[in-house]
C-alpha atoms as a PDB file:
ATOM      1  CA  MET A   1      57.465  99.819 113.227  1.00  0.00           C
ATOM      2  CA  ASP A   2      60.117  97.077 113.289  1.00  0.00           C
ATOM      3  CA  ARG A   3      58.504  95.566 116.388  1.00  0.00           C
ATOM      4  CA  ALA A   4      55.099  95.624 114.881  1.00  0.00           C
ATOM      5  CA  LEU A   5      56.444  93.904 111.685  1.00  0.00           C
ATOM      6  CA  SER A   6      58.273  91.286 113.820  1.00  0.00           C
ATOM      7  CA  PHE A   7      55.280  90.541 115.914  1.00  0.00           C
ATOM      8  CA  PHE A   8      52.640  90.370 113.206  1.00  0.00           C
ATOM      9  CA  GLY A   9      54.799  89.673 110.145  1.00  0.00           C
ATOM     10  CA  VAL A  10      55.322  91.699 107.092  1.00  0.00           C
ATOM     11  CA  TYR A  11      52.664  89.897 105.273  1.00  0.00           C
ATOM     12  CA  ASP A  12      50.069  90.358 108.017  1.00  0.00           C
ATOM     13  CA  VAL A  13      50.690  94.138 107.991  1.00  0.00           C
ATOM     14  CA  PHE A  14      50.880  94.688 104.245  1.00  0.00           C
ATOM     15  CA  GLY A  15      49.271  91.636 102.690  1.00  0.00           C
ATOM     16  CA  TYR A  16      46.072  91.559 104.751  1.00  0.00           C
ATOM     17  CA  LEU A  17      45.738  94.972 106.335  1.00  0.00           C
ATOM     18  CA  ALA A  18      46.593  97.132 103.438  1.00  0.00           C
ATOM     19  CA  SER A  19      44.551  95.337 100.931  1.00  0.00           C
ATOM     20  CA  GLY A  20      41.608  95.006 103.191  1.00  0.00           C
ATOM     21  CA  LEU A  21      41.738  98.674 104.029  1.00  0.00           C
ATOM     22  CA  THR A  22      41.781  99.408 100.330  1.00  0.00           C
ATOM     23  CA  ALA A  23      38.784  97.151  99.709  1.00  0.00           C
ATOM     24  CA  VAL A  24      36.744  98.620 102.697  1.00  0.00           C
ATOM     25  CA  VAL A  25      37.355 102.299 102.030  1.00  0.00           C
ATOM     26  CA  GLY A  26      36.993 101.831  98.300  1.00  0.00           C
ATOM     27  CA  VAL A  27      33.650 100.030  98.452  1.00  0.00           C
ATOM     28  CA  TRP A  28      32.403 102.469 101.160  1.00  0.00           C
ATOM     29  CA  TRP A  29      33.205 105.427  98.933  1.00  0.00           C
ATOM     30  CA  VAL A  30      31.611 103.813  95.852  1.00  0.00           C
ATOM     31  CA  VAL A  31      28.368 103.158  97.685  1.00  0.00           C
ATOM     32  CA  GLU A  32      28.127 106.251  99.930  1.00  0.00           C
ATOM     33  CA  GLY A  33      29.925 108.837  97.774  1.00  0.00           C
ATOM     34  CA  SER A  34      32.079 110.169 100.599  1.00  0.00           C
ATOM     35  CA  ILE A  35      34.411 109.096 103.449  1.00  0.00           C
ATOM     36  CA  PRO A  36      33.084 110.041 106.957  1.00  0.00           C
ATOM     37  CA  HIS A  37      35.197 111.483 109.755  1.00  0.00           C
ATOM     38  CA  LEU A  38      35.881 108.753 112.279  1.00  0.00           C
ATOM     39  CA  SER A  39      36.622 108.692 115.968  1.00  0.00           C
ATOM     40  CA  ILE A  40      39.628 106.861 117.426  1.00  0.00           C
ATOM     41  CA  VAL A  41      37.412 103.949 118.379  1.00  0.00           C
ATOM     42  CA  ALA A  42      35.807 103.911 114.876  1.00  0.00           C
ATOM     43  CA  LEU A  43      39.269 103.970 113.370  1.00  0.00           C
ATOM     44  CA  LEU A  44      40.322 100.872 115.371  1.00  0.00           C
ATOM     45  CA  GLY A  45      37.078  99.235 114.308  1.00  0.00           C
ATOM     46  CA  LEU A  46      37.952 100.075 110.705  1.00  0.00           C
ATOM     47  CA  LEU A  47      41.365  98.484 111.114  1.00  0.00           C
ATOM     48  CA  GLY A  48      39.683  95.317 112.494  1.00  0.00           C
ATOM     49  CA  ALA A  49      37.238  95.230 109.647  1.00  0.00           C
ATOM     50  CA  SER A  50      39.991  95.912 107.173  1.00  0.00           C
ATOM     51  CA  TYR A  51      42.042  92.886 108.436  1.00  0.00           C
ATOM     52  CA  ILE A  52      38.990  90.665 108.024  1.00  0.00           C
ATOM     53  CA  ALA A  53      38.406  92.138 104.524  1.00  0.00           C
ATOM     54  CA  GLY A  54      42.052  91.414 103.894  1.00  0.00           C
ATOM     55  CA  GLN A  55      41.369  87.746 104.453  1.00  0.00           C
ATOM     56  CA  LEU A  56      38.657  87.952 101.790  1.00  0.00           C
ATOM     57  CA  THR A  57      41.014  89.680  99.295  1.00  0.00           C
ATOM     58  CA  ALA A  58      43.575  86.927  99.992  1.00  0.00           C
ATOM     59  CA  ILE A  59      41.040  84.290  99.124  1.00  0.00           C
ATOM     60  CA  LEU A  60      40.332  85.937  95.929  1.00  0.00           C
ATOM     61  CA  GLY A  61      44.082  86.380  95.347  1.00  0.00           C
ATOM     62  CA  ASN A  62      44.804  82.730  95.918  1.00  0.00           C
ATOM     63  CA  LEU A  63      42.065  81.709  93.576  1.00  0.00           C
ATOM     64  CA  TRP A  64      43.129  83.729  90.586  1.00  0.00           C
ATOM     65  CA  GLU A  65      46.888  82.955  91.294  1.00  0.00           C
ATOM     66  CA  LYS A  66      46.093  79.236  91.438  1.00  0.00           C
ATOM     67  CA  LEU A  67      44.225  79.377  88.129  1.00  0.00           C
ATOM     68  CA  TRP A  68      47.025  81.429  86.598  1.00  0.00           C
ATOM     69  CA  TRP A  69      49.900  79.118  87.448  1.00  0.00           C
ATOM     70  CA  ARG A  70      47.869  76.029  86.508  1.00  0.00           C
ATOM     71  CA  TRP A  71      47.434  77.622  83.122  1.00  0.00           C
ATOM     72  CA  LYS A  72      51.171  78.456  82.900  1.00  0.00           C
ATOM     73  CA  GLY A  73      52.214  75.049  84.020  1.00  0.00           C
ATOM     74  CA  ASP A  74      54.031  75.849  87.282  1.00  0.00           C
ATOM     75  CA  LYS A  75      55.435  78.670  89.370  1.00  0.00           C
ATOM     76  CA  PRO A  76      58.649  80.489  88.399  1.00  0.00           C
ATOM     77  CA  TYR A  77      60.860  78.872  91.061  1.00  0.00           C
ATOM     78  CA  ILE A  78      60.131  75.543  89.467  1.00  0.00           C
ATOM     79  CA  TRP A  79      60.945  76.418  85.838  1.00  0.00           C
ATOM     80  CA  LEU A  80      63.873  78.528  86.884  1.00  0.00           C
ATOM     81  CA  ILE A  81      65.672  75.464  88.150  1.00  0.00           C
ATOM     82  CA  GLU A  82      64.339  72.789  85.697  1.00  0.00           C
ATOM     83  CA  GLU A  83      64.349  74.648  82.314  1.00  0.00           C
ATOM     84  CA  ASP A  84      66.430  77.141  80.406  1.00  0.00           C
ATOM     85  CA  SER A  85      65.715  80.750  81.235  1.00  0.00           C
ATOM     86  CA  ARG A  86      67.080  84.190  80.678  1.00  0.00           C
ATOM     87  CA  ASP A  87      68.773  84.099  84.123  1.00  0.00           C
ATOM     88  CA  PHE A  88      69.680  80.464  84.893  1.00  0.00           C
ATOM     89  CA  GLY A  89      71.889  78.576  82.527  1.00  0.00           C
ATOM     90  CA  LYS A  90      72.651  74.883  82.819  1.00  0.00           C
ATOM     91  CA  GLN A  91      75.825  75.298  84.890  1.00  0.00           C
ATOM     92  CA  LEU A  92      74.003  77.420  87.428  1.00  0.00           C
ATOM     93  CA  ARG A  93      71.039  75.095  87.671  1.00  0.00           C
ATOM     94  CA  THR A  94      73.446  72.167  88.062  1.00  0.00           C
ATOM     95  CA  ALA A  95      75.421  74.002  90.816  1.00  0.00           C
ATOM     96  CA  ILE A  96      72.261  74.734  92.872  1.00  0.00           C
ATOM     97  CA  SER A  97      70.816  71.210  92.548  1.00  0.00           C
ATOM     98  CA  SER A  98      74.043  69.334  93.229  1.00  0.00           C
ATOM     99  CA  ARG A  99      74.783  71.501  96.311  1.00  0.00           C
ATOM    100  CA  ILE A 100      71.337  70.838  97.849  1.00  0.00           C
ATOM    101  CA  ASP A 101      71.560  67.113  97.019  1.00  0.00           C
ATOM    102  CA  ALA A 102      75.038  66.997  98.613  1.00  0.00           C
ATOM    103  CA  GLU A 103      73.949  68.791 101.828  1.00  0.00           C
ATOM    104  CA  VAL A 104      70.911  66.614 102.325  1.00  0.00           C
ATOM    105  CA  GLY A 105      72.523  63.447 101.222  1.00  0.00           C
ATOM    106  CA  VAL A 106      69.795  62.600  98.752  1.00  0.00           C
ATOM    107  CA  ARG A 107      70.092  62.541  95.035  1.00  0.00           C
ATOM    108  CA  ASP A 108      67.511  63.494  92.413  1.00  0.00           C
ATOM    109  CA  LEU A 109      65.168  65.566  94.688  1.00  0.00           C
ATOM    110  CA  GLY A 110      62.315  67.350  92.983  1.00  0.00           C
ATOM    111  CA  ALA A 111      62.530  71.124  92.211  1.00  0.00           C
ATOM    112  CA  ARG A 112      59.784  71.843  94.848  1.00  0.00           C
ATOM    113  CA  GLU A 113      61.634  69.877  97.581  1.00  0.00           C
ATOM    114  CA  ARG A 114      65.014  71.599  96.685  1.00  0.00           C
ATOM    115  CA  PHE A 115      63.264  75.035  96.842  1.00  0.00           C
ATOM    116  CA  ASN A 116      61.773  74.334 100.233  1.00  0.00           C
ATOM    117  CA  LEU A 117      65.172  73.139 101.588  1.00  0.00           C
ATOM    118  CA  ALA A 118      66.984  76.289 100.075  1.00  0.00           C
ATOM    119  CA  ARG A 119      64.366  78.587 101.718  1.00  0.00           C
ATOM    120  CA  ALA A 120      64.720  76.802 104.965  1.00  0.00           C
ATOM    121  CA  LYS A 121      68.514  77.136 104.823  1.00  0.00           C
ATOM    122  CA  LEU A 122      68.284  80.891 104.230  1.00  0.00           C
ATOM    123  CA  ARG A 123      66.053  81.177 107.333  1.00  0.00           C
ATOM    124  CA  LEU A 124      68.499  79.044 109.401  1.00  0.00           C
ATOM    125  CA  GLU A 125      71.428  81.263 108.321  1.00  0.00           C
ATOM    126  CA  GLY A 126      69.450  84.567 108.795  1.00  0.00           C
ATOM    127  CA  PHE A 127      69.678  85.604 105.170  1.00  0.00           C
ATOM    128  CA  GLU A 128      66.047  85.386 104.254  1.00  0.00           C
ATOM    129  CA  ARG A 129      64.951  89.021 104.696  1.00  0.00           C
ATOM    130  CA  ARG A 130      65.292  90.117 101.051  1.00  0.00           C
ATOM    131  CA  ALA A 131      63.592  87.004  99.709  1.00  0.00           C
ATOM    132  CA  GLU A 132      60.712  87.219 102.277  1.00  0.00           C
ATOM    133  CA  THR A 133      60.266  90.833 101.435  1.00  0.00           C
ATOM    134  CA  MET A 134      59.747  89.924  97.785  1.00  0.00           C
ATOM    135  CA  ARG A 135      57.198  87.268  98.983  1.00  0.00           C
ATOM    136  CA  ALA A 136      55.333  89.915 101.132  1.00  0.00           C
ATOM    137  CA  MET A 137      55.177  92.382  98.223  1.00  0.00           C
ATOM    138  CA  HIS A 138      53.966  89.577  96.000  1.00  0.00           C
ATOM    139  CA  GLY A 139      51.228  88.790  98.595  1.00  0.00           C
ATOM    140  CA  LEU A 140      50.241  92.433  98.833  1.00  0.00           C
ATOM    141  CA  CYS A 141      49.943  92.882  95.053  1.00  0.00           C
ATOM    142  CA  ARG A 142      48.092  89.659  94.676  1.00  0.00           C
ATOM    143  CA  ASN A 143      45.482  90.600  97.365  1.00  0.00           C
ATOM    144  CA  LEU A 144      45.148  94.072  95.898  1.00  0.00           C
ATOM    145  CA  VAL A 145      43.973  92.384  92.721  1.00  0.00           C
ATOM    146  CA  GLY A 146      41.127  90.963  94.823  1.00  0.00           C
ATOM    147  CA  ALA A 147      40.507  94.430  96.486  1.00  0.00           C
ATOM    148  CA  ALA A 148      40.344  96.093  93.056  1.00  0.00           C
ATOM    149  CA  ALA A 149      37.869  93.387  91.872  1.00  0.00           C
ATOM    150  CA  LEU A 150      35.583  94.034  94.824  1.00  0.00           C
ATOM    151  CA  ILE A 151      35.655  97.690  94.187  1.00  0.00           C
ATOM    152  CA  CYS A 152      35.063  97.289  90.444  1.00  0.00           C
ATOM    153  CA  VAL A 153      32.027  94.977  91.069  1.00  0.00           C
ATOM    154  CA  ALA A 154      30.628  97.436  93.661  1.00  0.00           C
ATOM    155  CA  ALA A 155      31.071 100.321  91.215  1.00  0.00           C
ATOM    156  CA  ILE A 156      29.363  98.420  88.386  1.00  0.00           C
ATOM    157  CA  GLY A 157      26.493  97.238  90.626  1.00  0.00           C
ATOM    158  CA  THR A 158      25.979 100.752  92.135  1.00  0.00           C
ATOM    159  CA  SER A 159      26.111 102.243  88.673  1.00  0.00           C
ATOM    160  CA  ILE A 160      23.328 100.026  87.451  1.00  0.00           C
ATOM    161  CA  VAL A 161      21.164 101.092  90.428  1.00  0.00           C
ATOM    162  CA  ASP A 162      22.048 104.789  89.944  1.00  0.00           C
ATOM    163  CA  ASP A 163      21.372 104.705  86.209  1.00  0.00           C
ATOM    164  CA  GLY A 164      25.017 104.867  85.091  1.00  0.00           C
ATOM    165  CA  GLU A 165      26.418 107.734  87.295  1.00  0.00           C
ATOM    166  CA  ALA A 166      29.648 109.014  85.594  1.00  0.00           C
ATOM    167  CA  ARG A 167      31.700 108.955  88.754  1.00  0.00           C
ATOM    168  CA  LEU A 168      30.890 105.217  89.276  1.00  0.00           C
ATOM    169  CA  MET A 169      31.787 104.422  85.631  1.00  0.00           C
ATOM    170  CA  VAL A 170      35.232 106.054  86.119  1.00  0.00           C
ATOM    171  CA  VAL A 171      35.777 104.126  89.298  1.00  0.00           C
ATOM    172  CA  ALA A 172      34.760 100.859  87.608  1.00  0.00           C
ATOM    173  CA  ALA A 173      37.219 101.568  84.722  1.00  0.00           C
ATOM    174  CA  GLY A 174      39.997 102.602  87.055  1.00  0.00           C
ATOM    175  CA  SER A 175      39.471  99.522  89.168  1.00  0.00           C
ATOM    176  CA  PHE A 176      39.590  97.312  86.161  1.00  0.00           C
ATOM    177  CA  LEU A 177      42.895  98.814  85.018  1.00  0.00           C
ATOM    178  CA  ALA A 178      44.199  98.429  88.615  1.00  0.00           C
ATOM    179  CA  ILE A 179      43.374  94.706  88.496  1.00  0.00           C
ATOM    180  CA  TRP A 180      45.748  94.146  85.674  1.00  0.00           C
ATOM    181  CA  ALA A 181      48.396  96.436  86.997  1.00  0.00           C
ATOM    182  CA  PHE A 182      48.512  94.699  90.379  1.00  0.00           C
ATOM    183  CA  LEU A 183      48.319  91.250  88.710  1.00  0.00           C
ATOM    184  CA  TRP A 184      51.418  92.090  86.582  1.00  0.00           C
ATOM    185  CA  ARG A 185      53.231  93.334  89.692  1.00  0.00           C
ATOM    186  CA  ALA A 186      52.281  90.215  91.702  1.00  0.00           C
ATOM    187  CA  LEU A 187      53.578  87.941  88.981  1.00  0.00           C
ATOM    188  CA  LYS A 188      56.901  89.915  88.774  1.00  0.00           C
ATOM    189  CA  PHE A 189      57.425  89.713  92.569  1.00  0.00           C
ATOM    190  CA  GLU A 190      56.693  85.973  92.414  1.00  0.00           C
ATOM    191  CA  TYR A 191      59.425  85.569  89.865  1.00  0.00           C
ATOM    192  CA  ARG A 192      61.894  87.693  91.842  1.00  0.00           C
ATOM    193  CA  PHE A 193      61.110  85.786  95.047  1.00  0.00           C
ATOM    194  CA  GLY A 194      62.000  82.418  93.414  1.00  0.00           C
ATOM    195  CA  ARG A 195      65.138  84.037  91.855  1.00  0.00           C
ATOM    196  CA  GLU A 196      66.249  85.516  95.099  1.00  0.00           C
ATOM    197  CA  VAL A 197      65.866  82.350  97.022  1.00  0.00           C
ATOM    198  CA  TRP A 198      67.997  80.312  94.596  1.00  0.00           C
ATOM    199  CA  LEU A 199      70.779  82.807  94.157  1.00  0.00           C
ATOM    200  CA  SER A 200      70.928  83.656  97.912  1.00  0.00           C
ATOM    201  CA  TYR A 201      71.178  79.926  98.737  1.00  0.00           C
ATOM    202  CA  LEU A 202      74.003  79.430  96.222  1.00  0.00           C
ATOM    203  CA  ALA A 203      75.754  82.630  97.583  1.00  0.00           C
ATOM    204  CA  LEU A 204      75.784  81.452 101.245  1.00  0.00           C
ATOM    205  CA  ARG A 205      79.253  79.891 100.987  1.00  0.00           C
ATOM    206  CA  MET A 206      80.508  82.861  99.042  1.00  0.00           C
ATOM    207  CA  SER A 207      79.694  85.083 101.900  1.00  0.00           C
END
């Protein structure tokens, strides 16, 4: 498993494949009403189709997330370092910013540039695993929002054709709730990702 994750990347395995598999199996079950028994060859084909479907869920995920952060003003890693927050006080923000500026030899860098440098430093030192795991979980939950949306639309559309079948209405309602649940989790993991990068970077010299 570790070799597979290192070859494909955590996000490729969880972010694309898992969300795509959810979308393919969910939509199939909505339309057909059952899951067929598949041969090994068919299972391999299903995995390939799931990866492709995962790309579609990623497109939908990127779309809603872009609109969300545009509405909120900016991503958490930006306002964590630029504004007062529950976690980062002025002294902590100043310590992070001044250390990055000192290492690079440039003053008054923007928050985005500082974040990219801090993340690159973690990768260089080999301490990026926890932060990148948060990033991968964020990507999975974000893409599952897209998968749940596809299932919800399929359930509603099929329900209209089948004159409001109760099973499909339950699936549509459950998918709608899943959209909001995964959306909330995605936003939480995005916040934790930014927080982890900043704190891990500052703790490098402590270790």
